[in-house]
């Protein structure tokens, strides 16, 4: 997906396209994770959809649940969803920031070798 370290720096337009695709992939994972969380809270805790959304969004963002969990299945789901959310948050950050970090490192490598003139 990324160019080799010996390749010239990606043109700005192509870099922006890559960045937008990464952001779209990251947002898609957020939406998918939010939908799974909403379904779980609605199914296991019988929460209305709006309350299920609030709980899933709060867990996914790292804040914690809003509504108290009543059932054993709901507690199991909430715990697993919290673990999943912590991991997926790091994954999404990596997906979104990877093009920026790669471009920075690639540009730094080209400057070290003295070949920065291409890609602007």
N, C-alpha and C. Protein backbone atom coordinates (compact mmCIF):
# COMPACT_ATOMS: atom_id res chain seq x y z
N UNK A 1 0.82 -1.19 0.00
CA UNK A 1 0.00 0.00 0.00
C UNK A 1 0.87 1.26 0.00
N UNK A 2 2.00 1.21 0.69
CA UNK A 2 2.87 2.37 0.74
C UNK A 2 4.06 2.17 -0.18
N UNK A 3 4.60 3.27 -0.66
CA UNK A 3 5.73 3.19 -1.57
C UNK A 3 7.00 2.78 -0.81
N UNK A 4 7.91 2.18 -1.54
CA UNK A 4 9.17 1.71 -0.97
C UNK A 4 10.04 2.92 -0.59
N UNK A 5 10.93 2.73 0.33
CA UNK A 5 11.77 3.83 0.81
C UNK A 5 12.66 4.41 -0.28
N UNK A 6 12.93 3.64 -1.32
CA UNK A 6 13.76 4.15 -2.42
C UNK A 6 12.92 4.85 -3.49
N UNK A 7 11.61 4.78 -3.39
CA UNK A 7 10.73 5.44 -4.36
C UNK A 7 10.66 6.93 -4.05
N UNK A 8 10.31 7.73 -5.06
CA UNK A 8 10.14 9.17 -4.79
C UNK A 8 8.94 9.42 -3.90
N UNK A 9 8.93 10.60 -3.29
CA UNK A 9 7.82 11.00 -2.42
C UNK A 9 6.53 11.06 -3.23
N UNK A 10 5.47 10.53 -2.67
CA UNK A 10 4.17 10.51 -3.34
C UNK A 10 3.69 11.94 -3.58
N UNK A 11 3.15 12.24 -4.77
CA UNK A 11 2.62 13.58 -5.02
C UNK A 11 1.52 13.94 -4.01
N UNK A 12 1.40 15.22 -3.75
CA UNK A 12 0.48 15.72 -2.72
C UNK A 12 -0.95 15.23 -2.95
N UNK A 13 -1.42 15.26 -4.18
CA UNK A 13 -2.78 14.84 -4.51
C UNK A 13 -2.99 13.35 -4.18
N UNK A 14 -2.03 12.52 -4.52
CA UNK A 14 -2.12 11.09 -4.22
C UNK A 14 -2.06 10.84 -2.73
N UNK A 15 -1.23 11.62 -2.03
CA UNK A 15 -1.16 11.49 -0.57
C UNK A 15 -2.50 11.84 0.06
N UNK A 16 -3.14 12.92 -0.39
CA UNK A 16 -4.44 13.31 0.16
C UNK A 16 -5.49 12.24 -0.12
N UNK A 17 -5.44 11.62 -1.30
CA UNK A 17 -6.36 10.53 -1.62
C UNK A 17 -6.14 9.36 -0.65
N UNK A 18 -4.88 9.02 -0.41
CA UNK A 18 -4.56 7.95 0.53
C UNK A 18 -5.05 8.29 1.94
N UNK A 19 -4.87 9.54 2.35
CA UNK A 19 -5.31 9.97 3.68
C UNK A 19 -6.83 9.90 3.80
N UNK A 20 -7.55 10.34 2.78
CA UNK A 20 -9.01 10.28 2.80
C UNK A 20 -9.49 8.83 2.87
N UNK A 21 -8.86 7.94 2.13
CA UNK A 21 -9.24 6.52 2.17
C UNK A 21 -8.99 5.94 3.57
N UNK A 22 -7.90 6.33 4.20
CA UNK A 22 -7.62 5.85 5.55
C UNK A 22 -8.65 6.38 6.55
N UNK A 23 -9.01 7.63 6.41
CA UNK A 23 -10.02 8.20 7.29
C UNK A 23 -11.37 7.52 7.07
N UNK A 24 -11.72 7.25 5.82
CA UNK A 24 -12.98 6.56 5.54
C UNK A 24 -12.99 5.15 6.12
N UNK A 25 -11.87 4.44 6.02
CA UNK A 25 -11.77 3.11 6.61
C UNK A 25 -11.90 3.19 8.13
N UNK A 26 -11.23 4.15 8.74
CA UNK A 26 -11.33 4.33 10.18
C UNK A 26 -12.74 4.65 10.63
N UNK A 27 -13.40 5.55 9.92
CA UNK A 27 -14.79 5.91 10.26
C UNK A 27 -15.74 4.74 10.04
N UNK A 28 -15.46 3.93 9.03
CA UNK A 28 -16.29 2.75 8.79
C UNK A 28 -16.18 1.78 9.97
N UNK A 29 -14.97 1.61 10.50
CA UNK A 29 -14.79 0.76 11.67
C UNK A 29 -15.50 1.32 12.90
N UNK A 30 -15.49 2.64 13.03
CA UNK A 30 -16.21 3.27 14.15
C UNK A 30 -17.71 3.00 14.03
N UNK A 31 -18.26 3.21 12.84
CA UNK A 31 -19.70 2.99 12.63
C UNK A 31 -20.07 1.53 12.86
N UNK A 32 -19.27 0.62 12.31
CA UNK A 32 -19.54 -0.81 12.50
C UNK A 32 -19.47 -1.19 13.98
N UNK A 33 -18.47 -0.71 14.67
CA UNK A 33 -18.33 -1.00 16.10
C UNK A 33 -19.48 -0.41 16.90
N UNK A 34 -19.90 0.78 16.53
CA UNK A 34 -21.03 1.42 17.21
C UNK A 34 -22.31 0.63 16.99
N UNK A 35 -22.52 0.15 15.78
CA UNK A 35 -23.72 -0.65 15.49
C UNK A 35 -23.73 -1.96 16.27
N UNK A 36 -22.58 -2.61 16.37
CA UNK A 36 -22.48 -3.85 17.15
C UNK A 36 -22.78 -3.56 18.61
N UNK A 37 -22.22 -2.49 19.15
CA UNK A 37 -22.49 -2.12 20.53
C UNK A 37 -23.95 -1.79 20.77
N UNK A 38 -24.54 -1.06 19.87
CA UNK A 38 -25.97 -0.73 20.00
C UNK A 38 -26.82 -1.99 20.00
N UNK A 39 -26.51 -2.90 19.08
CA UNK A 39 -27.27 -4.14 19.02
C UNK A 39 -27.14 -4.91 20.32
N UNK A 40 -25.93 -4.99 20.85
CA UNK A 40 -25.70 -5.74 22.08
C UNK A 40 -26.45 -5.16 23.26
N UNK A 41 -26.39 -3.86 23.43
CA UNK A 41 -27.10 -3.24 24.55
C UNK A 41 -28.61 -3.35 24.38
N UNK A 42 -29.06 -3.24 23.16
CA UNK A 42 -30.50 -3.37 22.90
C UNK A 42 -30.95 -4.82 23.13
N UNK A 43 -30.17 -5.77 22.67
CA UNK A 43 -30.54 -7.18 22.76
C UNK A 43 -30.40 -7.73 24.18
N UNK A 44 -29.27 -7.50 24.83
CA UNK A 44 -29.01 -8.11 26.13
C UNK A 44 -29.58 -7.33 27.31
N UNK A 45 -29.71 -6.02 27.18
CA UNK A 45 -30.21 -5.20 28.28
C UNK A 45 -31.59 -4.60 28.01
N UNK A 46 -32.13 -4.88 26.85
CA UNK A 46 -33.44 -4.34 26.45
C UNK A 46 -33.51 -2.82 26.56
N UNK A 47 -32.41 -2.17 26.24
CA UNK A 47 -32.39 -0.71 26.26
C UNK A 47 -33.03 -0.18 24.98
N UNK A 48 -33.71 0.95 25.07
CA UNK A 48 -34.18 1.59 23.83
C UNK A 48 -32.98 1.93 22.95
N UNK A 49 -33.20 2.04 21.65
CA UNK A 49 -32.10 2.25 20.72
C UNK A 49 -31.27 3.49 21.06
N UNK A 50 -31.93 4.56 21.49
CA UNK A 50 -31.18 5.79 21.80
C UNK A 50 -30.28 5.58 23.02
N UNK A 51 -30.77 4.84 24.02
CA UNK A 51 -29.93 4.54 25.19
C UNK A 51 -28.82 3.56 24.84
N UNK A 52 -29.12 2.62 23.95
CA UNK A 52 -28.10 1.69 23.47
C UNK A 52 -27.00 2.45 22.72
N UNK A 53 -27.41 3.46 21.94
CA UNK A 53 -26.43 4.28 21.24
C UNK A 53 -25.53 5.02 22.22
N UNK A 54 -26.12 5.64 23.24
CA UNK A 54 -25.33 6.39 24.21
C UNK A 54 -24.34 5.48 24.92
N UNK A 55 -24.79 4.32 25.36
CA UNK A 55 -23.90 3.40 26.05
C UNK A 55 -22.77 2.91 25.14
N UNK A 56 -23.12 2.53 23.91
CA UNK A 56 -22.10 2.04 22.98
C UNK A 56 -21.10 3.15 22.64
N UNK A 57 -21.59 4.37 22.43
CA UNK A 57 -20.69 5.48 22.11
C UNK A 57 -19.78 5.82 23.28
N UNK A 58 -20.31 5.76 24.48
CA UNK A 58 -19.48 6.07 25.65
C UNK A 58 -18.42 5.00 25.88
N UNK A 59 -18.77 3.74 25.70
CA UNK A 59 -17.78 2.67 25.85
C UNK A 59 -16.74 2.78 24.74
N UNK A 60 -17.19 3.00 23.52
CA UNK A 60 -16.27 3.07 22.38
C UNK A 60 -15.29 4.24 22.52
N UNK A 61 -15.73 5.31 23.14
CA UNK A 61 -14.84 6.47 23.32
C UNK A 61 -13.99 6.36 24.57
N UNK A 62 -14.22 5.33 25.37
CA UNK A 62 -13.40 5.12 26.57
C UNK A 62 -13.95 5.76 27.83
N UNK A 63 -15.17 6.27 27.78
CA UNK A 63 -15.75 6.96 28.93
C UNK A 63 -16.44 6.03 29.93
N UNK A 64 -17.04 4.98 29.46
CA UNK A 64 -17.76 4.06 30.34
C UNK A 64 -19.25 4.11 30.10
N UNK A 65 -19.97 3.10 30.58
CA UNK A 65 -21.42 3.03 30.32
C UNK A 65 -22.19 4.09 31.11
N UNK A 66 -23.37 4.43 30.60
CA UNK A 66 -24.24 5.40 31.25
C UNK A 66 -25.30 4.68 32.07
N UNK A 67 -25.94 3.69 31.45
CA UNK A 67 -27.01 2.94 32.12
C UNK A 67 -26.40 1.78 32.92
N UNK A 68 -26.96 1.51 34.10
CA UNK A 68 -26.47 0.35 34.86
C UNK A 68 -26.82 -0.96 34.14
N UNK A 69 -25.91 -1.91 34.21
CA UNK A 69 -26.11 -3.20 33.55
C UNK A 69 -26.81 -4.12 34.54
N UNK A 70 -27.92 -4.76 34.11
CA UNK A 70 -28.75 -5.55 35.00
C UNK A 70 -28.57 -7.05 34.87
N UNK A 71 -28.35 -7.53 33.64
CA UNK A 71 -28.35 -8.98 33.41
C UNK A 71 -26.92 -9.53 33.32
N UNK A 72 -26.78 -10.82 33.58
CA UNK A 72 -25.47 -11.46 33.47
C UNK A 72 -24.97 -11.42 32.03
N UNK A 73 -25.88 -11.69 31.07
CA UNK A 73 -25.49 -11.64 29.67
C UNK A 73 -25.08 -10.22 29.27
N UNK A 74 -25.79 -9.25 29.78
CA UNK A 74 -25.45 -7.85 29.51
C UNK A 74 -24.09 -7.48 30.07
N UNK A 75 -23.78 -7.98 31.27
CA UNK A 75 -22.47 -7.70 31.86
C UNK A 75 -21.35 -8.36 31.07
N UNK A 76 -21.59 -9.57 30.62
CA UNK A 76 -20.59 -10.26 29.80
C UNK A 76 -20.38 -9.51 28.48
N UNK A 77 -21.48 -9.11 27.85
CA UNK A 77 -21.37 -8.35 26.61
C UNK A 77 -20.63 -7.04 26.85
N UNK A 78 -21.00 -6.32 27.90
CA UNK A 78 -20.39 -5.01 28.18
C UNK A 78 -18.88 -5.15 28.42
N UNK A 79 -18.48 -6.19 29.14
CA UNK A 79 -17.06 -6.40 29.38
C UNK A 79 -16.29 -6.71 28.11
N UNK A 80 -16.84 -7.61 27.30
CA UNK A 80 -16.19 -7.96 26.04
C UNK A 80 -16.17 -6.77 25.07
N UNK A 81 -17.26 -6.02 25.05
CA UNK A 81 -17.33 -4.86 24.17
C UNK A 81 -16.33 -3.79 24.61
N UNK A 82 -16.14 -3.63 25.92
CA UNK A 82 -15.17 -2.67 26.43
C UNK A 82 -13.75 -3.07 26.02
N UNK A 83 -13.43 -4.36 26.14
CA UNK A 83 -12.10 -4.83 25.72
C UNK A 83 -11.91 -4.62 24.22
N UNK A 84 -12.92 -4.98 23.45
CA UNK A 84 -12.88 -4.79 22.00
C UNK A 84 -12.70 -3.31 21.66
N UNK A 85 -13.44 -2.45 22.35
CA UNK A 85 -13.40 -1.02 22.06
C UNK A 85 -12.01 -0.43 22.30
N UNK A 86 -11.36 -0.87 23.36
CA UNK A 86 -10.01 -0.37 23.63
C UNK A 86 -9.04 -0.75 22.52
N UNK A 87 -9.16 -1.98 22.04
CA UNK A 87 -8.27 -2.43 20.96
C UNK A 87 -8.60 -1.76 19.63
N UNK A 88 -9.88 -1.65 19.33
CA UNK A 88 -10.27 -1.07 18.04
C UNK A 88 -9.96 0.42 18.00
N UNK A 89 -9.97 1.09 19.13
CA UNK A 89 -9.62 2.51 19.17
C UNK A 89 -8.16 2.70 18.75
N UNK A 90 -7.28 1.85 19.25
CA UNK A 90 -5.87 1.92 18.84
C UNK A 90 -5.70 1.56 17.36
N UNK A 91 -6.45 0.56 16.91
CA UNK A 91 -6.39 0.15 15.51
C UNK A 91 -6.83 1.29 14.59
N UNK A 92 -7.92 1.94 14.93
CA UNK A 92 -8.44 3.04 14.12
C UNK A 92 -7.44 4.20 14.08
N UNK A 93 -6.85 4.52 15.23
CA UNK A 93 -5.84 5.59 15.26
C UNK A 93 -4.66 5.23 14.35
N UNK A 94 -4.23 3.98 14.39
CA UNK A 94 -3.14 3.54 13.53
C UNK A 94 -3.49 3.63 12.05
N UNK A 95 -4.71 3.24 11.71
CA UNK A 95 -5.14 3.29 10.30
C UNK A 95 -5.18 4.73 9.81
N UNK A 96 -5.70 5.63 10.63
CA UNK A 96 -5.85 7.02 10.21
C UNK A 96 -4.51 7.74 10.14
N UNK A 97 -3.63 7.49 11.11
CA UNK A 97 -2.36 8.22 11.15
C UNK A 97 -1.24 7.57 10.35
N UNK A 98 -1.42 6.35 9.87
CA UNK A 98 -0.36 5.66 9.14
C UNK A 98 0.12 6.43 7.91
N UNK A 99 -0.75 6.98 7.07
CA UNK A 99 -0.24 7.72 5.90
C UNK A 99 0.58 8.95 6.29
N UNK A 100 0.18 9.63 7.36
CA UNK A 100 0.91 10.83 7.79
C UNK A 100 2.29 10.45 8.31
N UNK A 101 2.34 9.44 9.17
CA UNK A 101 3.61 9.00 9.73
C UNK A 101 4.52 8.46 8.62
N UNK A 102 3.94 7.68 7.70
CA UNK A 102 4.73 7.14 6.60
C UNK A 102 5.32 8.26 5.75
N UNK A 103 4.51 9.25 5.43
CA UNK A 103 5.02 10.36 4.60
C UNK A 103 6.13 11.10 5.32
N UNK A 104 5.96 11.33 6.61
CA UNK A 104 7.00 12.01 7.39
C UNK A 104 8.30 11.21 7.36
N UNK A 105 8.21 9.91 7.63
CA UNK A 105 9.41 9.07 7.65
C UNK A 105 10.03 8.94 6.25
N UNK A 106 9.17 8.85 5.24
CA UNK A 106 9.67 8.75 3.86
C UNK A 106 10.41 10.03 3.47
N UNK A 107 9.81 11.16 3.81
CA UNK A 107 10.44 12.45 3.49
C UNK A 107 11.76 12.60 4.25
N UNK A 108 11.77 12.20 5.51
CA UNK A 108 12.99 12.26 6.31
C UNK A 108 14.08 11.38 5.69
N UNK A 109 13.71 10.19 5.23
CA UNK A 109 14.66 9.28 4.59
C UNK A 109 15.20 9.88 3.30
N UNK A 110 14.33 10.51 2.51
CA UNK A 110 14.78 11.12 1.27
C UNK A 110 15.70 12.30 1.54
N UNK A 111 15.42 13.07 2.58
CA UNK A 111 16.30 14.19 2.93
C UNK A 111 17.66 13.68 3.35
N UNK A 112 17.70 12.58 4.06
CA UNK A 112 18.98 11.99 4.49
C UNK A 112 19.81 11.55 3.28
N UNK A 113 19.12 11.07 2.23
CA UNK A 113 19.81 10.62 1.03
C UNK A 113 20.04 11.74 0.03
N UNK A 114 19.36 12.91 0.23
CA UNK A 114 19.54 14.04 -0.67
C UNK A 114 18.68 14.02 -1.91
N UNK A 115 17.48 13.38 -1.86
CA UNK A 115 16.63 13.30 -3.04
C UNK A 115 15.22 13.76 -2.79
N UNK A 116 15.03 14.96 -2.27
CA UNK A 116 13.72 15.44 -1.87
C UNK A 116 13.01 16.24 -2.96
N UNK A 117 13.64 16.49 -4.10
CA UNK A 117 13.06 17.39 -5.10
C UNK A 117 11.79 16.86 -5.74
N UNK A 118 11.54 15.56 -5.78
CA UNK A 118 10.34 15.05 -6.43
C UNK A 118 9.20 14.92 -5.44
N UNK A 119 7.95 15.04 -5.92
CA UNK A 119 6.78 14.81 -5.09
C UNK A 119 6.11 16.06 -4.58
N UNK A 120 6.54 17.22 -5.02
CA UNK A 120 5.90 18.44 -4.54
C UNK A 120 4.91 18.97 -5.52
